[in-house]
Amino acid sequence: MDPALRPSVKEVWHWLSEVPDPEIPVISLTDLGIIRDVEWREDTLVVTVTPTYSGCPATTIINLDIETALTGKGLDKVKLERRLSPAWTTDWISAEGREKLRDYGIAPPIDGTAADGILMKRIDRLSGRSNLTIACPRCGSANTEKISQFGSTPCKASYRCTDCLEPFDYFKCI
């Protein structure tokens, strides 16, 4: 592609911000933080992707969705590179992505970037262990209980609110 005609990296990032995650369609691949880099190498656009975990069953679909979105914008030379190191972490989910997860009914991960007053972390002083209180994304109650370590996908756990009685997924910290 003629360098004068090719889109800027910033424009490509914008296009990729419109590609939804196939498992959670309200969050984009960029909000999820799995697109690590976009660069032009001569006349080829190279997109580096780090899956949420190496065995993620949606990886093939994600790659296809990226290629489809970019070729749909007229790019004919697109190369996807898979980067496993450093491993993806929930810290890479954007603040906007966390809000989208909550609005969709999935409790976003509690980690160093999620201290927002709705999700709370408390210390069990007797055992010295850290216990997480996962707030219900529907009603905000902290009265929740874990149903299963594994939810609708391996990266989520199943919880239930004991106030509104609604089940919900919690996006586990990885």
N, C-alpha and C. Protein backbone atom coordinates (compact mmCIF):
# COMPACT_ATOMS: atom_id res chain seq x y z
N MET A 1 0.84 -1.18 0.00
CA MET A 1 0.00 0.00 0.00
C MET A 1 0.88 1.24 0.00
N ASP A 2 0.51 2.19 -0.80
CA ASP A 2 1.24 3.45 -0.89
C ASP A 2 1.22 4.11 0.49
N PRO A 3 2.40 4.41 1.07
CA PRO A 3 2.44 5.03 2.40
C PRO A 3 1.61 6.30 2.51
N ALA A 4 1.46 7.03 1.42
CA ALA A 4 0.67 8.26 1.45
C ALA A 4 -0.82 7.98 1.57
N LEU A 5 -1.25 6.78 1.18
CA LEU A 5 -2.67 6.43 1.20
C LEU A 5 -3.08 5.57 2.40
N ARG A 6 -2.09 5.00 3.07
CA ARG A 6 -2.45 4.09 4.17
C ARG A 6 -2.93 4.87 5.39
N PRO A 7 -3.84 4.25 6.15
CA PRO A 7 -4.36 4.93 7.35
C PRO A 7 -3.28 5.02 8.43
N SER A 8 -3.45 5.98 9.30
CA SER A 8 -2.50 6.13 10.42
C SER A 8 -2.75 5.02 11.44
N VAL A 9 -1.76 4.78 12.25
CA VAL A 9 -1.89 3.80 13.33
C VAL A 9 -3.04 4.22 14.26
N LYS A 10 -3.16 5.51 14.51
CA LYS A 10 -4.25 6.02 15.36
C LYS A 10 -5.61 5.66 14.77
N GLU A 11 -5.77 5.80 13.47
CA GLU A 11 -7.03 5.46 12.82
C GLU A 11 -7.30 3.96 12.92
N VAL A 12 -6.27 3.15 12.75
CA VAL A 12 -6.43 1.69 12.87
C VAL A 12 -6.86 1.32 14.29
N TRP A 13 -6.24 1.95 15.30
CA TRP A 13 -6.67 1.71 16.69
C TRP A 13 -8.15 2.05 16.86
N HIS A 14 -8.59 3.13 16.24
CA HIS A 14 -10.01 3.50 16.31
C HIS A 14 -10.88 2.41 15.68
N TRP A 15 -10.48 1.90 14.53
CA TRP A 15 -11.24 0.83 13.88
C TRP A 15 -11.30 -0.40 14.79
N LEU A 16 -10.19 -0.74 15.40
CA LEU A 16 -10.14 -1.92 16.27
C LEU A 16 -10.98 -1.72 17.54
N SER A 17 -11.15 -0.46 17.95
CA SER A 17 -11.98 -0.19 19.13
C SER A 17 -13.46 -0.48 18.87
N GLU A 18 -13.80 -0.71 17.62
CA GLU A 18 -15.18 -1.04 17.26
C GLU A 18 -15.41 -2.54 17.08
N VAL A 19 -14.35 -3.34 17.26
CA VAL A 19 -14.47 -4.79 17.11
C VAL A 19 -14.83 -5.38 18.47
N PRO A 20 -16.02 -5.98 18.61
CA PRO A 20 -16.44 -6.51 19.91
C PRO A 20 -15.79 -7.85 20.23
N ASP A 21 -15.65 -8.11 21.51
CA ASP A 21 -15.22 -9.43 21.96
C ASP A 21 -16.34 -10.42 21.64
N PRO A 22 -16.03 -11.59 21.07
CA PRO A 22 -17.10 -12.51 20.69
C PRO A 22 -17.86 -13.13 21.88
N GLU A 23 -17.25 -13.18 23.04
CA GLU A 23 -17.92 -13.75 24.22
C GLU A 23 -18.68 -12.70 25.02
N ILE A 24 -18.20 -11.46 24.98
CA ILE A 24 -18.84 -10.36 25.71
C ILE A 24 -18.96 -9.20 24.72
N PRO A 25 -20.00 -9.18 23.91
CA PRO A 25 -20.09 -8.24 22.80
C PRO A 25 -20.19 -6.77 23.17
N VAL A 26 -20.39 -6.43 24.43
CA VAL A 26 -20.46 -5.02 24.81
C VAL A 26 -19.10 -4.40 25.04
N ILE A 27 -18.06 -5.21 25.05
CA ILE A 27 -16.71 -4.69 25.28
C ILE A 27 -15.87 -4.94 24.03
N SER A 28 -15.10 -3.95 23.65
CA SER A 28 -14.27 -4.09 22.46
C SER A 28 -12.97 -4.82 22.80
N LEU A 29 -12.31 -5.27 21.76
CA LEU A 29 -11.03 -5.95 21.95
C LEU A 29 -9.98 -5.00 22.53
N THR A 30 -10.09 -3.71 22.19
CA THR A 30 -9.13 -2.75 22.75
C THR A 30 -9.46 -2.47 24.21
N ASP A 31 -10.75 -2.36 24.57
CA ASP A 31 -11.12 -2.17 25.97
C ASP A 31 -10.71 -3.38 26.82
N LEU A 32 -10.78 -4.55 26.22
CA LEU A 32 -10.38 -5.78 26.92
C LEU A 32 -8.87 -5.81 27.12
N GLY A 33 -8.14 -5.07 26.29
CA GLY A 33 -6.70 -4.97 26.44
C GLY A 33 -5.91 -6.08 25.78
N ILE A 34 -6.55 -6.81 24.86
CA ILE A 34 -5.82 -7.92 24.24
C ILE A 34 -5.07 -7.50 22.98
N ILE A 35 -5.40 -6.34 22.42
CA ILE A 35 -4.62 -5.84 21.29
C ILE A 35 -3.47 -5.04 21.89
N ARG A 36 -2.28 -5.54 21.71
CA ARG A 36 -1.11 -4.98 22.38
C ARG A 36 -0.37 -3.95 21.54
N ASP A 37 -0.41 -4.11 20.21
CA ASP A 37 0.35 -3.19 19.38
C ASP A 37 -0.21 -3.18 17.97
N VAL A 38 -0.06 -2.06 17.31
CA VAL A 38 -0.42 -1.89 15.90
C VAL A 38 0.73 -1.12 15.27
N GLU A 39 1.27 -1.66 14.19
CA GLU A 39 2.37 -0.96 13.52
C GLU A 39 2.42 -1.34 12.05
N TRP A 40 2.95 -0.42 11.27
CA TRP A 40 3.21 -0.67 9.86
C TRP A 40 4.63 -1.21 9.73
N ARG A 41 4.78 -2.33 9.05
CA ARG A 41 6.09 -2.87 8.68
C ARG A 41 6.11 -2.91 7.16
N GLU A 42 6.74 -1.91 6.62
CA GLU A 42 6.73 -1.68 5.18
C GLU A 42 5.28 -1.53 4.73
N ASP A 43 4.77 -2.42 3.88
CA ASP A 43 3.40 -2.25 3.39
C ASP A 43 2.41 -3.18 4.08
N THR A 44 2.82 -3.79 5.20
CA THR A 44 1.96 -4.71 5.94
C THR A 44 1.60 -4.13 7.29
N LEU A 45 0.31 -4.18 7.64
CA LEU A 45 -0.12 -3.76 8.97
C LEU A 45 0.00 -4.96 9.90
N VAL A 46 0.72 -4.80 10.98
CA VAL A 46 0.93 -5.88 11.94
C VAL A 46 0.18 -5.53 13.21
N VAL A 47 -0.70 -6.45 13.63
CA VAL A 47 -1.47 -6.28 14.85
C VAL A 47 -1.04 -7.38 15.82
N THR A 48 -0.59 -6.98 17.00
CA THR A 48 -0.14 -7.94 18.01
C THR A 48 -1.27 -8.16 19.00
N VAL A 49 -1.59 -9.44 19.22
CA VAL A 49 -2.71 -9.82 20.08
C VAL A 49 -2.21 -10.73 21.20
N THR A 50 -2.62 -10.45 22.42
CA THR A 50 -2.34 -11.32 23.56
C THR A 50 -3.69 -11.84 24.05
N PRO A 51 -3.96 -13.15 23.87
CA PRO A 51 -5.24 -13.69 24.33
C PRO A 51 -5.35 -13.63 25.85
N THR A 52 -6.58 -13.66 26.34
CA THR A 52 -6.78 -13.61 27.78
C THR A 52 -6.11 -14.78 28.49
N TYR A 53 -6.04 -15.90 27.84
CA TYR A 53 -5.19 -17.01 28.29
C TYR A 53 -4.88 -17.87 27.08
N SER A 54 -3.81 -18.63 27.16
CA SER A 54 -3.29 -19.30 25.96
C SER A 54 -4.27 -20.31 25.37
N GLY A 55 -5.16 -20.85 26.16
CA GLY A 55 -6.13 -21.82 25.64
C GLY A 55 -7.50 -21.23 25.35
N CYS A 56 -7.59 -19.93 25.24
CA CYS A 56 -8.88 -19.27 25.02
C CYS A 56 -9.53 -19.79 23.73
N PRO A 57 -10.74 -20.36 23.83
CA PRO A 57 -11.40 -20.92 22.64
C PRO A 57 -11.85 -19.86 21.64
N ALA A 58 -11.89 -18.62 22.05
CA ALA A 58 -12.35 -17.56 21.14
C ALA A 58 -11.22 -16.95 20.31
N THR A 59 -9.99 -17.39 20.51
CA THR A 59 -8.84 -16.79 19.82
C THR A 59 -9.00 -16.80 18.31
N THR A 60 -9.43 -17.92 17.75
CA THR A 60 -9.58 -18.01 16.29
C THR A 60 -10.62 -17.01 15.79
N ILE A 61 -11.73 -16.91 16.50
CA ILE A 61 -12.79 -15.97 16.11
C ILE A 61 -12.30 -14.53 16.25
N ILE A 62 -11.58 -14.25 17.31
CA ILE A 62 -11.04 -12.90 17.52
C ILE A 62 -10.13 -12.52 16.35
N ASN A 63 -9.23 -13.42 15.97
CA ASN A 63 -8.33 -13.14 14.86
C ASN A 63 -9.11 -12.91 13.56
N LEU A 64 -10.10 -13.73 13.34
CA LEU A 64 -10.93 -13.58 12.14
C LEU A 64 -11.67 -12.24 12.16
N ASP A 65 -12.19 -11.86 13.31
CA ASP A 65 -12.90 -10.59 13.44
C ASP A 65 -11.97 -9.40 13.18
N ILE A 66 -10.74 -9.49 13.66
CA ILE A 66 -9.76 -8.42 13.42
C ILE A 66 -9.46 -8.32 11.93
N GLU A 67 -9.17 -9.46 11.32
CA GLU A 67 -8.86 -9.45 9.88
C GLU A 67 -10.04 -8.95 9.06
N THR A 68 -11.24 -9.38 9.40
CA THR A 68 -12.44 -8.96 8.68
C THR A 68 -12.65 -7.45 8.79
N ALA A 69 -12.47 -6.93 10.01
CA ALA A 69 -12.65 -5.49 10.22
C ALA A 69 -11.64 -4.69 9.41
N LEU A 70 -10.40 -5.13 9.39
CA LEU A 70 -9.36 -4.37 8.70
C LEU A 70 -9.42 -4.52 7.19
N THR A 71 -9.70 -5.71 6.71
CA THR A 71 -9.85 -5.86 5.25
C THR A 71 -11.10 -5.15 4.77
N GLY A 72 -12.11 -5.06 5.64
CA GLY A 72 -13.32 -4.31 5.30
C GLY A 72 -13.06 -2.81 5.16
N LYS A 73 -11.96 -2.34 5.73
CA LYS A 73 -11.56 -0.93 5.60
C LYS A 73 -10.60 -0.74 4.43
N GLY A 74 -10.39 -1.82 3.66
CA GLY A 74 -9.56 -1.70 2.46
C GLY A 74 -8.11 -2.12 2.61
N LEU A 75 -7.74 -2.64 3.77
CA LEU A 75 -6.36 -3.09 3.96
C LEU A 75 -6.21 -4.50 3.39
N ASP A 76 -5.22 -4.68 2.53
CA ASP A 76 -5.07 -6.00 1.91
C ASP A 76 -3.92 -6.81 2.49
N LYS A 77 -3.02 -6.17 3.23
CA LYS A 77 -1.91 -6.90 3.84
C LYS A 77 -1.96 -6.68 5.35
N VAL A 78 -2.52 -7.67 6.03
CA VAL A 78 -2.66 -7.63 7.48
C VAL A 78 -2.02 -8.90 8.04
N LYS A 79 -1.18 -8.72 9.03
CA LYS A 79 -0.54 -9.85 9.69
C LYS A 79 -0.86 -9.77 11.18
N LEU A 80 -1.32 -10.88 11.74
CA LEU A 80 -1.58 -10.95 13.18
C LEU A 80 -0.45 -11.71 13.85
N GLU A 81 0.05 -11.15 14.92
CA GLU A 81 1.08 -11.82 15.70
C GLU A 81 0.53 -12.08 17.09
N ARG A 82 0.77 -13.28 17.58
CA ARG A 82 0.32 -13.68 18.91
C ARG A 82 1.47 -13.49 19.88
N ARG A 83 1.23 -12.75 20.95
CA ARG A 83 2.26 -12.52 21.98
C ARG A 83 1.74 -13.06 23.30
N LEU A 84 2.44 -14.04 23.84
CA LEU A 84 2.03 -14.67 25.10
C LEU A 84 2.79 -14.13 26.31
N SER A 85 3.84 -13.35 26.06
CA SER A 85 4.63 -12.82 27.16
C SER A 85 4.85 -11.34 26.93
N PRO A 86 4.50 -10.50 27.87
CA PRO A 86 3.93 -10.87 29.15
C PRO A 86 2.50 -11.38 28.97
N ALA A 87 2.09 -12.23 29.88
CA ALA A 87 0.73 -12.78 29.83
C ALA A 87 -0.28 -11.67 30.08
N TRP A 88 -1.44 -11.82 29.43
CA TRP A 88 -2.53 -10.86 29.62
C TRP A 88 -2.94 -10.84 31.08
N THR A 89 -3.33 -9.68 31.54
CA THR A 89 -3.81 -9.50 32.91
C THR A 89 -5.05 -8.62 32.88
N THR A 90 -5.91 -8.80 33.86
CA THR A 90 -7.12 -7.98 33.94
C THR A 90 -6.79 -6.51 34.20
N ASP A 91 -5.56 -6.22 34.59
CA ASP A 91 -5.15 -4.82 34.73
C ASP A 91 -5.23 -4.09 33.40
N TRP A 92 -5.19 -4.83 32.29
CA TRP A 92 -5.21 -4.23 30.96
C TRP A 92 -6.61 -3.85 30.50
N ILE A 93 -7.63 -4.23 31.24
CA ILE A 93 -9.00 -3.83 30.88
C ILE A 93 -9.14 -2.33 31.19
N SER A 94 -9.61 -1.58 30.21
CA SER A 94 -9.74 -0.13 30.40
C SER A 94 -10.84 0.19 31.42
N ALA A 95 -10.79 1.41 31.94
CA ALA A 95 -11.83 1.87 32.87
C ALA A 95 -13.19 1.84 32.18
N GLU A 96 -13.24 2.26 30.92
CA GLU A 96 -14.49 2.22 30.16
C GLU A 96 -14.96 0.77 29.99
N GLY A 97 -14.03 -0.13 29.75
CA GLY A 97 -14.37 -1.55 29.62
C GLY A 97 -14.95 -2.11 30.91
N ARG A 98 -14.40 -1.70 32.05
CA ARG A 98 -14.92 -2.16 33.35
C ARG A 98 -16.36 -1.70 33.55
N GLU A 99 -16.63 -0.46 33.16
CA GLU A 99 -18.00 0.06 33.28
C GLU A 99 -18.95 -0.70 32.34
N LYS A 100 -18.48 -1.00 31.14
CA LYS A 100 -19.30 -1.75 30.19
C LYS A 100 -19.61 -3.14 30.73
N LEU A 101 -18.62 -3.78 31.36
CA LEU A 101 -18.86 -5.10 31.96
C LEU A 101 -19.94 -5.00 33.04
N ARG A 102 -19.80 -4.02 33.93
CA ARG A 102 -20.76 -3.85 35.03
C ARG A 102 -22.16 -3.59 34.48
N ASP A 103 -22.25 -2.70 33.48
CA ASP A 103 -23.56 -2.38 32.89
C ASP A 103 -24.18 -3.61 32.23
N TYR A 104 -23.35 -4.50 31.75
CA TYR A 104 -23.81 -5.73 31.07
C TYR A 104 -24.21 -6.81 32.08
N GLY A 105 -23.86 -6.60 33.36
CA GLY A 105 -24.23 -7.58 34.39
C GLY A 105 -23.09 -8.49 34.81
N ILE A 106 -21.86 -8.13 34.42
CA ILE A 106 -20.68 -8.90 34.83
C ILE A 106 -19.87 -8.02 35.78
N ALA A 107 -19.60 -8.54 36.96
CA ALA A 107 -18.78 -7.78 37.90
C ALA A 107 -17.36 -7.74 37.38
N PRO A 108 -16.81 -6.53 37.19
CA PRO A 108 -15.44 -6.43 36.69
C PRO A 108 -14.45 -6.91 37.74
N PRO A 109 -13.23 -7.21 37.32
CA PRO A 109 -12.23 -7.72 38.26
C PRO A 109 -11.87 -6.70 39.33
N ILE A 110 -11.58 -7.22 40.50
CA ILE A 110 -11.09 -6.39 41.60
C ILE A 110 -9.59 -6.56 41.61
N ASP A 111 -8.90 -5.48 41.37
CA ASP A 111 -7.44 -5.49 41.43
C ASP A 111 -7.00 -4.07 41.75
N GLY A 112 -5.77 -3.77 41.52
CA GLY A 112 -5.24 -2.47 41.88
C GLY A 112 -5.91 -1.30 41.19
N THR A 113 -6.58 -1.53 40.05
CA THR A 113 -7.18 -0.42 39.32
C THR A 113 -8.69 -0.34 39.51
N ALA A 114 -9.27 -1.22 40.31
CA ALA A 114 -10.72 -1.28 40.38
C ALA A 114 -11.30 -0.78 41.69
N ALA A 115 -10.53 -0.05 42.47
CA ALA A 115 -11.03 0.45 43.74
C ALA A 115 -11.93 1.65 43.46
N ASP A 116 -13.22 1.39 43.26
CA ASP A 116 -14.11 2.46 42.83
C ASP A 116 -15.32 2.66 43.75
N GLY A 117 -15.29 2.10 44.94
CA GLY A 117 -16.39 2.33 45.86
C GLY A 117 -17.53 1.35 45.71
N ILE A 118 -17.71 0.78 44.53
CA ILE A 118 -18.76 -0.20 44.33
C ILE A 118 -18.22 -1.59 44.64
N LEU A 119 -17.00 -1.83 44.19
CA LEU A 119 -16.35 -3.09 44.48
C LEU A 119 -15.46 -2.88 45.70
N MET A 120 -15.54 -3.79 46.65
CA MET A 120 -14.82 -3.57 47.90
C MET A 120 -13.89 -4.73 48.19
N LYS A 121 -12.81 -4.42 48.85
CA LYS A 121 -11.88 -5.44 49.29
C LYS A 121 -11.75 -5.30 50.80
N ARG A 122 -11.85 -6.40 51.52
CA ARG A 122 -11.69 -6.33 52.96
C ARG A 122 -10.66 -7.35 53.41
N ILE A 123 -10.04 -7.10 54.51
CA ILE A 123 -9.01 -7.99 55.04
C ILE A 123 -9.60 -8.77 56.20
N ASP A 124 -9.46 -10.09 56.14
CA ASP A 124 -9.87 -10.93 57.25
C ASP A 124 -8.70 -10.94 58.24
N ARG A 125 -8.82 -10.11 59.27
CA ARG A 125 -7.71 -9.92 60.21
C ARG A 125 -7.40 -11.18 61.00
N LEU A 126 -8.37 -12.03 61.20
CA LEU A 126 -8.12 -13.24 61.98
C LEU A 126 -7.23 -14.23 61.24
N SER A 127 -7.46 -14.40 59.95
CA SER A 127 -6.68 -15.38 59.19
C SER A 127 -5.50 -14.77 58.46
N GLY A 128 -5.51 -13.45 58.33
CA GLY A 128 -4.44 -12.80 57.58
C GLY A 128 -4.61 -12.94 56.07
N ARG A 129 -5.72 -13.52 55.64
CA ARG A 129 -5.97 -13.69 54.21
C ARG A 129 -6.82 -12.54 53.70
N SER A 130 -6.68 -12.28 52.43
CA SER A 130 -7.49 -11.25 51.79
C SER A 130 -8.74 -11.89 51.23
N ASN A 131 -9.89 -11.39 51.61
CA ASN A 131 -11.16 -11.89 51.10
C ASN A 131 -11.80 -10.82 50.24
N LEU A 132 -12.27 -11.20 49.09
CA LEU A 132 -12.90 -10.25 48.21
C LEU A 132 -14.40 -10.24 48.43
N THR A 133 -14.95 -9.06 48.48
CA THR A 133 -16.40 -8.91 48.47
C THR A 133 -16.74 -8.42 47.08
N ILE A 134 -17.45 -9.24 46.34
CA ILE A 134 -17.82 -8.91 44.97
C ILE A 134 -19.21 -8.29 45.00
N ALA A 135 -19.30 -7.04 44.61
CA ALA A 135 -20.59 -6.35 44.61
C ALA A 135 -21.43 -6.80 43.43
N CYS A 136 -22.71 -6.93 43.65
CA CYS A 136 -23.64 -7.31 42.58
C CYS A 136 -23.67 -6.19 41.54
N PRO A 137 -23.44 -6.52 40.26
CA PRO A 137 -23.45 -5.48 39.23
C PRO A 137 -24.85 -4.95 38.94
N ARG A 138 -25.88 -5.64 39.43
CA ARG A 138 -27.26 -5.20 39.17
C ARG A 138 -27.78 -4.24 40.24
N CYS A 139 -27.60 -4.64 41.53
CA CYS A 139 -28.16 -3.80 42.59
C CYS A 139 -27.10 -3.14 43.46
N GLY A 140 -25.82 -3.53 43.30
CA GLY A 140 -24.74 -2.92 44.07
C GLY A 140 -24.53 -3.51 45.44
N SER A 141 -25.34 -4.48 45.84
CA SER A 141 -25.21 -5.08 47.16
C SER A 141 -23.89 -5.83 47.30
N ALA A 142 -23.32 -5.76 48.50
CA ALA A 142 -22.11 -6.52 48.81
C ALA A 142 -22.46 -7.89 49.37
N ASN A 143 -23.74 -8.18 49.51
CA ASN A 143 -24.18 -9.47 50.04
C ASN A 143 -24.26 -10.48 48.89
N THR A 144 -23.12 -11.04 48.57
CA THR A 144 -23.04 -11.98 47.45
C THR A 144 -22.31 -13.23 47.90
N GLU A 145 -22.49 -14.30 47.14
CA GLU A 145 -21.80 -15.54 47.44
C GLU A 145 -21.34 -16.21 46.16
N LYS A 146 -20.17 -16.85 46.26
CA LYS A 146 -19.63 -17.56 45.10
C LYS A 146 -20.38 -18.88 44.96
N ILE A 147 -20.86 -19.14 43.74
CA ILE A 147 -21.54 -20.40 43.42
C ILE A 147 -20.53 -21.41 42.88
N SER A 148 -19.67 -20.93 41.99
CA SER A 148 -18.68 -21.80 41.37
C SER A 148 -17.46 -20.98 40.96
N GLN A 149 -16.30 -21.59 41.05
CA GLN A 149 -15.07 -20.93 40.62
C GLN A 149 -15.08 -20.69 39.11
N PHE A 150 -15.92 -21.44 38.38
CA PHE A 150 -15.98 -21.30 36.93
C PHE A 150 -17.37 -20.89 36.50
N GLY A 151 -17.43 -19.84 35.69
CA GLY A 151 -18.70 -19.30 35.22
C GLY A 151 -18.94 -19.68 33.77
N SER A 152 -19.54 -18.76 33.03
CA SER A 152 -19.90 -19.04 31.64
C SER A 152 -18.69 -19.24 30.74
N THR A 153 -17.55 -18.73 31.16
CA THR A 153 -16.28 -18.97 30.48
C THR A 153 -15.24 -19.21 31.58
N PRO A 154 -14.10 -19.83 31.25
CA PRO A 154 -13.10 -20.12 32.29
C PRO A 154 -12.53 -18.88 32.98
N CYS A 155 -12.63 -17.71 32.36
CA CYS A 155 -12.08 -16.51 32.97
C CYS A 155 -13.07 -15.82 33.92
N LYS A 156 -14.22 -16.44 34.13
CA LYS A 156 -15.22 -15.86 35.02
C LYS A 156 -15.64 -16.88 36.08
N ALA A 157 -16.09 -16.39 37.22
CA ALA A 157 -16.65 -17.21 38.29
C ALA A 157 -18.13 -16.88 38.42
N SER A 158 -18.92 -17.84 38.90
CA SER A 158 -20.35 -17.62 39.09
C SER A 158 -20.64 -17.17 40.52
N TYR A 159 -21.40 -16.09 40.63
CA TYR A 159 -21.82 -15.55 41.92
C TYR A 159 -23.33 -15.39 41.94
N ARG A 160 -23.86 -15.18 43.15
CA ARG A 160 -25.29 -14.87 43.31
C ARG A 160 -25.41 -13.79 44.37
N CYS A 161 -26.29 -12.86 44.12
CA CYS A 161 -26.59 -11.82 45.08
C CYS A 161 -27.63 -12.36 46.05
N THR A 162 -27.38 -12.26 47.34
CA THR A 162 -28.34 -12.77 48.31
C THR A 162 -29.43 -11.74 48.64
N ASP A 163 -29.30 -10.52 48.10
CA ASP A 163 -30.35 -9.51 48.27
C ASP A 163 -31.35 -9.55 47.12
N CYS A 164 -30.86 -9.37 45.88
CA CYS A 164 -31.79 -9.36 44.74
C CYS A 164 -31.96 -10.76 44.12
N LEU A 165 -31.15 -11.73 44.60
CA LEU A 165 -31.21 -13.14 44.20
C LEU A 165 -30.80 -13.38 42.75
N GLU A 166 -30.21 -12.38 42.11
CA GLU A 166 -29.78 -12.55 40.72
C GLU A 166 -28.41 -13.21 40.65
N PRO A 167 -28.25 -14.18 39.75
CA PRO A 167 -26.92 -14.73 39.50
C PRO A 167 -26.14 -13.77 38.59
N PHE A 168 -24.81 -13.81 38.69
CA PHE A 168 -23.98 -13.00 37.81
C PHE A 168 -22.59 -13.60 37.73
N ASP A 169 -21.89 -13.22 36.68
CA ASP A 169 -20.50 -13.62 36.51
C ASP A 169 -19.60 -12.55 37.12
N TYR A 170 -18.46 -13.00 37.63
CA TYR A 170 -17.40 -12.11 38.09
C TYR A 170 -16.18 -12.39 37.22
N PHE A 171 -15.63 -11.37 36.59
CA PHE A 171 -14.46 -11.50 35.74
C PHE A 171 -13.25 -11.63 36.66
N LYS A 172 -12.71 -12.85 36.77
CA LYS A 172 -11.63 -13.13 37.71
C LYS A 172 -10.37 -12.37 37.36
N CYS A 173 -9.62 -11.99 38.38
CA CYS A 173 -8.31 -11.36 38.17
C CYS A 173 -7.34 -12.42 37.69
N ILE A 174 -6.65 -12.08 36.65
CA ILE A 174 -5.66 -13.00 36.09
C ILE A 174 -4.33 -12.28 36.05
